[in-house]
Amino acid sequence: MGNYENDMGIPSLSVAESLADVLNVSLDYLACGEKANVISVKGLKEEQIELVTELIQELARPANHNPKLTRQQQELLARIIEQFVH
């Protein structure tokens, strides 16, 4: 651990992942010291992950900071609800 702290070595990805788990931080934080917003998709189906990812991307677009949902956002939310209810 001291070698990593003193820039005398770089941990492998698997070691870095283990360190992040033990320290309860993201790999981004461990590597860069920045707090990353992480959403766990553990236990979700692939289609559910794709839908949630699409929703995040849609809501993050600068033009979409309107408090009212666009038709595309409404349809996407309907698909998400359908996927998680059934």
N, C-alpha and C. Protein backbone atom coordinates (compact mmCIF):
# COMPACT_ATOMS: atom_id res chain seq x y z
N MET A 1 0.83 -1.18 0.00
CA MET A 1 0.00 0.00 0.00
C MET A 1 0.88 1.25 0.00
N GLY A 2 1.93 1.24 0.75
CA GLY A 2 2.83 2.39 0.82
C GLY A 2 3.46 2.72 -0.52
N ASN A 3 3.78 1.67 -1.30
CA ASN A 3 4.35 1.91 -2.64
C ASN A 3 3.38 2.67 -3.53
N TYR A 4 2.10 2.34 -3.43
CA TYR A 4 1.10 3.02 -4.24
C TYR A 4 0.93 4.47 -3.79
N GLU A 5 0.92 4.67 -2.49
CA GLU A 5 0.76 6.02 -1.94
C GLU A 5 1.94 6.92 -2.30
N ASN A 6 3.11 6.34 -2.43
CA ASN A 6 4.33 7.10 -2.73
C ASN A 6 4.68 7.09 -4.22
N ASP A 7 3.75 6.70 -5.06
CA ASP A 7 3.96 6.63 -6.51
C ASP A 7 5.15 5.77 -6.91
N MET A 8 5.37 4.70 -6.15
CA MET A 8 6.47 3.79 -6.47
C MET A 8 5.97 2.52 -7.17
N GLY A 9 4.69 2.45 -7.38
CA GLY A 9 4.11 1.29 -8.05
C GLY A 9 2.67 1.57 -8.41
N ILE A 10 2.16 0.79 -9.33
CA ILE A 10 0.77 0.92 -9.75
C ILE A 10 0.12 -0.44 -9.58
N PRO A 11 -1.01 -0.49 -8.85
CA PRO A 11 -1.66 -1.79 -8.65
C PRO A 11 -2.32 -2.28 -9.94
N SER A 12 -2.43 -3.58 -10.07
CA SER A 12 -3.17 -4.14 -11.20
C SER A 12 -4.64 -3.75 -11.04
N LEU A 13 -5.41 -3.90 -12.10
CA LEU A 13 -6.81 -3.55 -12.05
C LEU A 13 -7.54 -4.36 -10.98
N SER A 14 -7.23 -5.63 -10.87
CA SER A 14 -7.92 -6.47 -9.88
C SER A 14 -7.55 -6.05 -8.46
N VAL A 15 -6.30 -5.67 -8.24
CA VAL A 15 -5.89 -5.18 -6.91
C VAL A 15 -6.55 -3.83 -6.63
N ALA A 16 -6.59 -2.95 -7.62
CA ALA A 16 -7.23 -1.64 -7.45
C ALA A 16 -8.71 -1.82 -7.13
N GLU A 17 -9.36 -2.76 -7.81
CA GLU A 17 -10.77 -3.03 -7.55
C GLU A 17 -10.98 -3.52 -6.12
N SER A 18 -10.10 -4.40 -5.66
CA SER A 18 -10.18 -4.89 -4.28
C SER A 18 -9.96 -3.76 -3.28
N LEU A 19 -8.98 -2.91 -3.56
CA LEU A 19 -8.72 -1.76 -2.68
C LEU A 19 -9.93 -0.84 -2.62
N ALA A 20 -10.53 -0.58 -3.76
CA ALA A 20 -11.71 0.29 -3.81
C ALA A 20 -12.85 -0.33 -3.00
N ASP A 21 -13.04 -1.64 -3.10
CA ASP A 21 -14.08 -2.32 -2.32
C ASP A 21 -13.81 -2.19 -0.83
N VAL A 22 -12.57 -2.46 -0.42
CA VAL A 22 -12.21 -2.39 1.00
C VAL A 22 -12.39 -0.97 1.54
N LEU A 23 -12.01 0.02 0.73
CA LEU A 23 -12.10 1.42 1.15
C LEU A 23 -13.48 2.02 0.91
N ASN A 24 -14.36 1.24 0.29
CA ASN A 24 -15.72 1.67 -0.03
C ASN A 24 -15.75 2.95 -0.86
N VAL A 25 -14.93 2.97 -1.92
CA VAL A 25 -14.89 4.09 -2.86
C VAL A 25 -14.93 3.52 -4.28
N SER A 26 -15.18 4.39 -5.25
CA SER A 26 -15.16 3.96 -6.64
C SER A 26 -13.73 3.90 -7.14
N LEU A 27 -13.53 3.22 -8.27
CA LEU A 27 -12.20 3.20 -8.89
C LEU A 27 -11.81 4.61 -9.33
N ASP A 28 -12.79 5.42 -9.78
CA ASP A 28 -12.50 6.81 -10.16
C ASP A 28 -11.90 7.57 -8.98
N TYR A 29 -12.53 7.40 -7.82
CA TYR A 29 -12.04 8.11 -6.63
C TYR A 29 -10.65 7.61 -6.25
N LEU A 30 -10.47 6.31 -6.31
CA LEU A 30 -9.18 5.73 -5.96
C LEU A 30 -8.08 6.24 -6.90
N ALA A 31 -8.38 6.32 -8.19
CA ALA A 31 -7.38 6.74 -9.17
C ALA A 31 -7.18 8.24 -9.23
N CYS A 32 -8.25 9.00 -9.08
CA CYS A 32 -8.18 10.45 -9.33
C CYS A 32 -8.52 11.30 -8.12
N GLY A 33 -9.02 10.68 -7.08
CA GLY A 33 -9.40 11.45 -5.90
C GLY A 33 -10.71 12.19 -6.07
N GLU A 34 -11.46 11.86 -7.09
CA GLU A 34 -12.74 12.52 -7.34
C GLU A 34 -13.88 11.57 -7.01
N LYS A 35 -14.89 12.13 -6.41
CA LYS A 35 -16.07 11.35 -6.09
C LYS A 35 -16.89 11.13 -7.36
N ALA A 36 -17.14 9.91 -7.71
CA ALA A 36 -17.91 9.59 -8.90
C ALA A 36 -19.31 9.15 -8.48
N ASN A 37 -20.28 9.54 -9.26
CA ASN A 37 -21.64 9.07 -9.05
C ASN A 37 -21.77 7.73 -9.73
N VAL A 38 -22.04 6.72 -8.95
CA VAL A 38 -22.11 5.36 -9.48
C VAL A 38 -23.49 4.79 -9.20
N ILE A 39 -24.08 4.21 -10.20
CA ILE A 39 -25.37 3.56 -10.05
C ILE A 39 -25.13 2.06 -10.23
N SER A 40 -25.49 1.30 -9.24
CA SER A 40 -25.32 -0.15 -9.32
C SER A 40 -26.41 -0.76 -10.20
N VAL A 41 -26.01 -1.62 -11.11
CA VAL A 41 -26.96 -2.33 -11.97
C VAL A 41 -26.97 -3.81 -11.61
N LYS A 42 -26.41 -4.12 -10.48
CA LYS A 42 -26.34 -5.50 -10.02
C LYS A 42 -27.76 -6.07 -9.90
N GLY A 43 -27.97 -7.22 -10.50
CA GLY A 43 -29.26 -7.89 -10.42
C GLY A 43 -30.25 -7.48 -11.51
N LEU A 44 -29.86 -6.53 -12.36
CA LEU A 44 -30.75 -6.11 -13.44
C LEU A 44 -30.49 -6.94 -14.69
N LYS A 45 -31.53 -7.11 -15.49
CA LYS A 45 -31.38 -7.77 -16.78
C LYS A 45 -30.73 -6.80 -17.75
N GLU A 46 -30.15 -7.34 -18.81
CA GLU A 46 -29.45 -6.51 -19.81
C GLU A 46 -30.38 -5.43 -20.39
N GLU A 47 -31.62 -5.82 -20.71
CA GLU A 47 -32.56 -4.85 -21.27
C GLU A 47 -32.88 -3.74 -20.27
N GLN A 48 -32.97 -4.08 -18.98
CA GLN A 48 -33.22 -3.08 -17.95
C GLN A 48 -32.05 -2.11 -17.84
N ILE A 49 -30.84 -2.64 -17.91
CA ILE A 49 -29.65 -1.79 -17.86
C ILE A 49 -29.63 -0.83 -19.04
N GLU A 50 -29.96 -1.34 -20.21
CA GLU A 50 -29.99 -0.48 -21.41
C GLU A 50 -31.02 0.63 -21.27
N LEU A 51 -32.20 0.30 -20.75
CA LEU A 51 -33.25 1.30 -20.57
C LEU A 51 -32.85 2.37 -19.56
N VAL A 52 -32.28 1.95 -18.44
CA VAL A 52 -31.86 2.91 -17.42
C VAL A 52 -30.74 3.80 -17.96
N THR A 53 -29.82 3.22 -18.69
CA THR A 53 -28.73 3.99 -19.31
C THR A 53 -29.29 5.01 -20.29
N GLU A 54 -30.25 4.59 -21.10
CA GLU A 54 -30.87 5.49 -22.07
C GLU A 54 -31.58 6.65 -21.36
N LEU A 55 -32.26 6.35 -20.26
CA LEU A 55 -32.95 7.40 -19.52
C LEU A 55 -31.96 8.40 -18.94
N ILE A 56 -30.87 7.92 -18.37
CA ILE A 56 -29.85 8.81 -17.81
C ILE A 56 -29.28 9.71 -18.90
N GLN A 57 -28.98 9.13 -20.04
CA GLN A 57 -28.43 9.93 -21.15
C GLN A 57 -29.44 10.97 -21.62
N GLU A 58 -30.69 10.58 -21.70
CA GLU A 58 -31.74 11.49 -22.15
C GLU A 58 -31.91 12.65 -21.18
N LEU A 59 -31.94 12.35 -19.90
CA LEU A 59 -32.14 13.40 -18.90
C LEU A 59 -30.92 14.29 -18.73
N ALA A 60 -29.74 13.80 -19.10
CA ALA A 60 -28.51 14.57 -18.96
C ALA A 60 -28.27 15.56 -20.10
N ARG A 61 -29.02 15.43 -21.17
CA ARG A 61 -28.83 16.34 -22.31
C ARG A 61 -29.16 17.76 -21.88
N PRO A 62 -28.31 18.73 -22.23
CA PRO A 62 -28.54 20.12 -21.81
C PRO A 62 -29.89 20.68 -22.24
N ALA A 63 -30.36 20.30 -23.40
CA ALA A 63 -31.64 20.82 -23.89
C ALA A 63 -32.83 20.24 -23.14
N ASN A 64 -32.59 19.23 -22.33
CA ASN A 64 -33.69 18.54 -21.65
C ASN A 64 -33.83 18.92 -20.19
N HIS A 65 -33.40 20.11 -19.81
CA HIS A 65 -33.53 20.52 -18.41
C HIS A 65 -34.85 21.23 -18.16
N ASN A 66 -35.80 21.02 -19.05
CA ASN A 66 -37.14 21.53 -18.90
C ASN A 66 -37.85 20.68 -17.85
N PRO A 67 -38.60 21.29 -16.93
CA PRO A 67 -39.27 20.49 -15.90
C PRO A 67 -40.31 19.52 -16.45
N LYS A 68 -40.84 19.80 -17.66
CA LYS A 68 -41.82 18.89 -18.26
C LYS A 68 -41.08 17.84 -19.09
N LEU A 69 -41.56 16.62 -19.01
CA LEU A 69 -40.95 15.53 -19.77
C LEU A 69 -41.33 15.64 -21.25
N THR A 70 -40.36 15.36 -22.11
CA THR A 70 -40.64 15.32 -23.53
C THR A 70 -41.42 14.05 -23.84
N ARG A 71 -41.97 13.97 -25.02
CA ARG A 71 -42.69 12.77 -25.45
C ARG A 71 -41.76 11.56 -25.43
N GLN A 72 -40.52 11.76 -25.87
CA GLN A 72 -39.53 10.68 -25.89
C GLN A 72 -39.24 10.20 -24.46
N GLN A 73 -39.11 11.13 -23.52
CA GLN A 73 -38.85 10.76 -22.13
C GLN A 73 -40.05 10.02 -21.53
N GLN A 74 -41.25 10.46 -21.86
CA GLN A 74 -42.46 9.79 -21.37
C GLN A 74 -42.53 8.35 -21.88
N GLU A 75 -42.22 8.17 -23.16
CA GLU A 75 -42.24 6.83 -23.74
C GLU A 75 -41.16 5.94 -23.12
N LEU A 76 -40.02 6.51 -22.90
CA LEU A 76 -38.92 5.77 -22.27
C LEU A 76 -39.30 5.35 -20.85
N LEU A 77 -39.88 6.25 -20.10
CA LEU A 77 -40.31 5.92 -18.73
C LEU A 77 -41.38 4.83 -18.75
N ALA A 78 -42.28 4.89 -19.70
CA ALA A 78 -43.31 3.85 -19.82
C ALA A 78 -42.67 2.49 -20.09
N ARG A 79 -41.65 2.46 -20.95
CA ARG A 79 -40.95 1.20 -21.24
C ARG A 79 -40.22 0.69 -19.99
N ILE A 80 -39.64 1.60 -19.23
CA ILE A 80 -38.93 1.21 -18.00
C ILE A 80 -39.91 0.63 -16.99
N ILE A 81 -41.04 1.31 -16.80
CA ILE A 81 -42.04 0.82 -15.86
C ILE A 81 -42.53 -0.57 -16.28
N GLU A 82 -42.80 -0.72 -17.56
CA GLU A 82 -43.24 -2.02 -18.08
C GLU A 82 -42.20 -3.11 -17.81
N GLN A 83 -40.94 -2.81 -18.02
CA GLN A 83 -39.85 -3.77 -17.84
C GLN A 83 -39.70 -4.17 -16.38
N PHE A 84 -39.85 -3.24 -15.45
CA PHE A 84 -39.62 -3.54 -14.05
C PHE A 84 -40.86 -4.10 -13.34
N VAL A 85 -42.03 -3.87 -13.90
CA VAL A 85 -43.26 -4.37 -13.29
C VAL A 85 -43.51 -5.82 -13.67
N HIS A 86 -43.10 -6.19 -14.87
CA HIS A 86 -43.39 -7.55 -15.35
C HIS A 86 -42.21 -8.43 -15.27
